[in-house]
Every structure is written in structure tokens, then in C-alpha cells.
């Protein structure tokens, strides 16, 4: 059985990390940090957008800023053709 994460990576998803700063509802002058991580598709980030939509609809802390990092962990193999033979004694 193949894991969900592996299947997503084979479908061109990459690991996305979002650093979300939001205002505390009880102290609006203070910012709190929340780190979110999930497999998502760059550059549109539909999973992150869905999460942020949920945040704005359901949670009290107003979003201040979001910083995103993304990396595809499985990529096509890199190779180069070598012309020649190396003899090892």
C-alpha cells in the first residue's frame, strides 16, 4: 500500500510550509505565529488557499501576513551523457 504523501508527490505536489502571522483577538497589538505544512501545488497553492479561507471564515484571529516556502521532493532524474571510457586497473 502506497502512502498518501507519496501519491501526492508523484502527482507533482511539493511540500509547502506557510509561516502565518495573525493578530490575537484578545490583544490585537500582538502578533502570534502559526506554522502550517502540507503537500500542495505551486504556484497556485489551492490547499493553502482553502486553509486560509477556512481561517478567515471560522477563526477570530485576523491574518497579518503569510510567508510561503515550497519544494518538490521528487523530481525527474538529472543525467548527462558522457562520451568516453575510463579504464581502471
C-alpha atoms as a PDB file:
ATOM      1  CA  UNK A   1       0.000   0.000   0.000  1.00  0.00           C
ATOM      2  CA  UNK A   2       1.377   3.397  -1.036  1.00  0.00           C
ATOM      3  CA  UNK A   3       1.124   6.347   1.352  1.00  0.00           C
ATOM      4  CA  UNK A   4      -0.990   9.401   0.555  1.00  0.00           C
ATOM      5  CA  UNK A   5       2.104  11.634   0.687  1.00  0.00           C
ATOM      6  CA  UNK A   6       3.978   9.535  -1.864  1.00  0.00           C
ATOM      7  CA  UNK A   7       0.988   9.533  -4.239  1.00  0.00           C
ATOM      8  CA  UNK A   8       0.754  13.328  -3.983  1.00  0.00           C
ATOM      9  CA  UNK A   9       4.454  13.711  -4.737  1.00  0.00           C
ATOM     10  CA  UNK A  10       4.065  11.534  -7.833  1.00  0.00           C
ATOM     11  CA  UNK A  11       1.273  13.883  -8.943  1.00  0.00           C
ATOM     12  CA  UNK A  12       3.696  16.861  -8.880  1.00  0.00           C
ATOM     13  CA  UNK A  13       2.766  18.097  -5.412  1.00  0.00           C
ATOM     14  CA  UNK A  14       5.525  19.561  -3.275  1.00  0.00           C
ATOM     15  CA  UNK A  15       5.954  20.144   0.425  1.00  0.00           C
ATOM     16  CA  UNK A  16       4.627  23.604   1.273  1.00  0.00           C
ATOM     17  CA  UNK A  17       5.349  25.393   4.526  1.00  0.00           C
ATOM     18  CA  UNK A  18       3.487  28.582   5.436  1.00  0.00           C
ATOM     19  CA  UNK A  19       4.505  30.901   8.225  1.00  0.00           C
ATOM     20  CA  UNK A  20       1.242  32.615   9.212  1.00  0.00           C
ATOM     21  CA  UNK A  21       1.284  35.713  11.405  1.00  0.00           C
ATOM     22  CA  UNK A  22      -2.054  36.693  12.881  1.00  0.00           C
ATOM     23  CA  UNK A  23      -3.403  39.173  15.400  1.00  0.00           C
ATOM     24  CA  UNK A  24      -4.541  37.811  18.721  1.00  0.00           C
ATOM     25  CA  UNK A  25      -8.246  38.505  19.242  1.00  0.00           C
ATOM     26  CA  UNK A  26      -7.742  39.368  22.925  1.00  0.00           C
ATOM     27  CA  UNK A  27      -4.645  41.556  22.254  1.00  0.00           C
ATOM     28  CA  UNK A  28      -4.802  42.927  18.661  1.00  0.00           C
ATOM     29  CA  UNK A  29      -1.478  44.733  19.050  1.00  0.00           C
ATOM     30  CA  UNK A  30       0.329  41.373  19.471  1.00  0.00           C
ATOM     31  CA  UNK A  31       1.152  39.006  16.615  1.00  0.00           C
ATOM     32  CA  UNK A  32       1.131  35.241  17.002  1.00  0.00           C
ATOM     33  CA  UNK A  33       2.914  32.784  14.685  1.00  0.00           C
ATOM     34  CA  UNK A  34       1.378  29.590  13.295  1.00  0.00           C
ATOM     35  CA  UNK A  35       3.346  27.219  11.054  1.00  0.00           C
ATOM     36  CA  UNK A  36       1.291  25.173   8.552  1.00  0.00           C
ATOM     37  CA  UNK A  37       2.732  22.357   6.417  1.00  0.00           C
ATOM     38  CA  UNK A  38       1.046  20.241   3.741  1.00  0.00           C
ATOM     39  CA  UNK A  39       1.616  18.939   0.203  1.00  0.00           C
ATOM     40  CA  UNK A  40       0.375  21.470  -2.347  1.00  0.00           C
ATOM     41  CA  UNK A  41       0.698  22.536  -5.989  1.00  0.00           C
ATOM     42  CA  UNK A  42       2.806  25.611  -6.787  1.00  0.00           C
ATOM     43  CA  UNK A  43       2.293  28.349  -7.900  1.00  0.00           C
ATOM     44  CA  UNK A  44      -1.468  28.452  -7.195  1.00  0.00           C
ATOM     45  CA  UNK A  45      -1.392  26.653  -3.798  1.00  0.00           C
ATOM     46  CA  UNK A  46      -5.051  25.505  -3.760  1.00  0.00           C
ATOM     47  CA  UNK A  47      -4.713  23.610  -0.455  1.00  0.00           C
ATOM     48  CA  UNK A  48      -3.138  26.603   1.313  1.00  0.00           C
ATOM     49  CA  UNK A  49      -5.774  28.954  -0.123  1.00  0.00           C
ATOM     50  CA  UNK A  50      -8.515  26.639   1.145  1.00  0.00           C
ATOM     51  CA  UNK A  51      -6.933  26.605   4.612  1.00  0.00           C
ATOM     52  CA  UNK A  52      -6.598  30.405   4.677  1.00  0.00           C
ATOM     53  CA  UNK A  53     -10.237  30.732   3.567  1.00  0.00           C
ATOM     54  CA  UNK A  54     -11.257  28.477   6.474  1.00  0.00           C
ATOM     55  CA  UNK A  55      -9.118  30.609   8.807  1.00  0.00           C
ATOM     56  CA  UNK A  56     -10.800  33.849   7.720  1.00  0.00           C
ATOM     57  CA  UNK A  57     -14.329  32.343   7.949  1.00  0.00           C
ATOM     58  CA  UNK A  58     -14.047  30.339  11.173  1.00  0.00           C
ATOM     59  CA  UNK A  59     -11.262  31.726  13.376  1.00  0.00           C
ATOM     60  CA  UNK A  60     -11.170  35.009  15.270  1.00  0.00           C
ATOM     61  CA  UNK A  61      -7.524  35.991  14.779  1.00  0.00           C
ATOM     62  CA  UNK A  62      -7.167  38.348  11.806  1.00  0.00           C
ATOM     63  CA  UNK A  63      -4.425  37.382   9.347  1.00  0.00           C
ATOM     64  CA  UNK A  64      -1.481  39.760   9.259  1.00  0.00           C
ATOM     65  CA  UNK A  65       0.927  38.100   6.806  1.00  0.00           C
ATOM     66  CA  UNK A  66       1.733  34.753   5.216  1.00  0.00           C
ATOM     67  CA  UNK A  67       5.190  33.652   4.055  1.00  0.00           C
ATOM     68  CA  UNK A  68       5.409  30.528   1.893  1.00  0.00           C
ATOM     69  CA  UNK A  69       8.230  28.072   1.109  1.00  0.00           C
ATOM     70  CA  UNK A  70       7.733  25.227  -1.376  1.00  0.00           C
ATOM     71  CA  UNK A  71       9.920  22.364  -2.605  1.00  0.00           C
ATOM     72  CA  UNK A  72       9.181  19.373  -4.810  1.00  0.00           C
ATOM     73  CA  UNK A  73      10.873  16.445  -3.123  1.00  0.00           C
ATOM     74  CA  UNK A  74      10.601  14.024  -6.054  1.00  0.00           C
ATOM     75  CA  UNK A  75      11.911  15.385  -9.351  1.00  0.00           C
ATOM     76  CA  UNK A  76      12.840  13.930 -12.717  1.00  0.00           C
ATOM     77  CA  UNK A  77      16.274  12.352 -12.587  1.00  0.00           C
ATOM     78  CA  UNK A  78      19.142  14.533 -13.712  1.00  0.00           C
ATOM     79  CA  UNK A  79      21.641  12.882 -16.014  1.00  0.00           C
ATOM     80  CA  UNK A  80      24.200  13.759 -18.639  1.00  0.00           C
ATOM     81  CA  UNK A  81      25.737  11.687 -21.378  1.00  0.00           C
ATOM     82  CA  UNK A  82      29.460  11.026 -21.039  1.00  0.00           C
ATOM     83  CA  UNK A  83      31.487  10.387 -24.165  1.00  0.00           C
ATOM     84  CA  UNK A  84      34.433   8.162 -23.376  1.00  0.00           C
ATOM     85  CA  UNK A  85      35.626   5.196 -21.390  1.00  0.00           C
ATOM     86  CA  UNK A  86      37.657   5.371 -18.217  1.00  0.00           C
ATOM     87  CA  UNK A  87      39.864   2.330 -17.656  1.00  0.00           C
ATOM     88  CA  UNK A  88      40.593   1.374 -14.082  1.00  0.00           C
ATOM     89  CA  UNK A  89      43.419  -1.072 -13.486  1.00  0.00           C
END
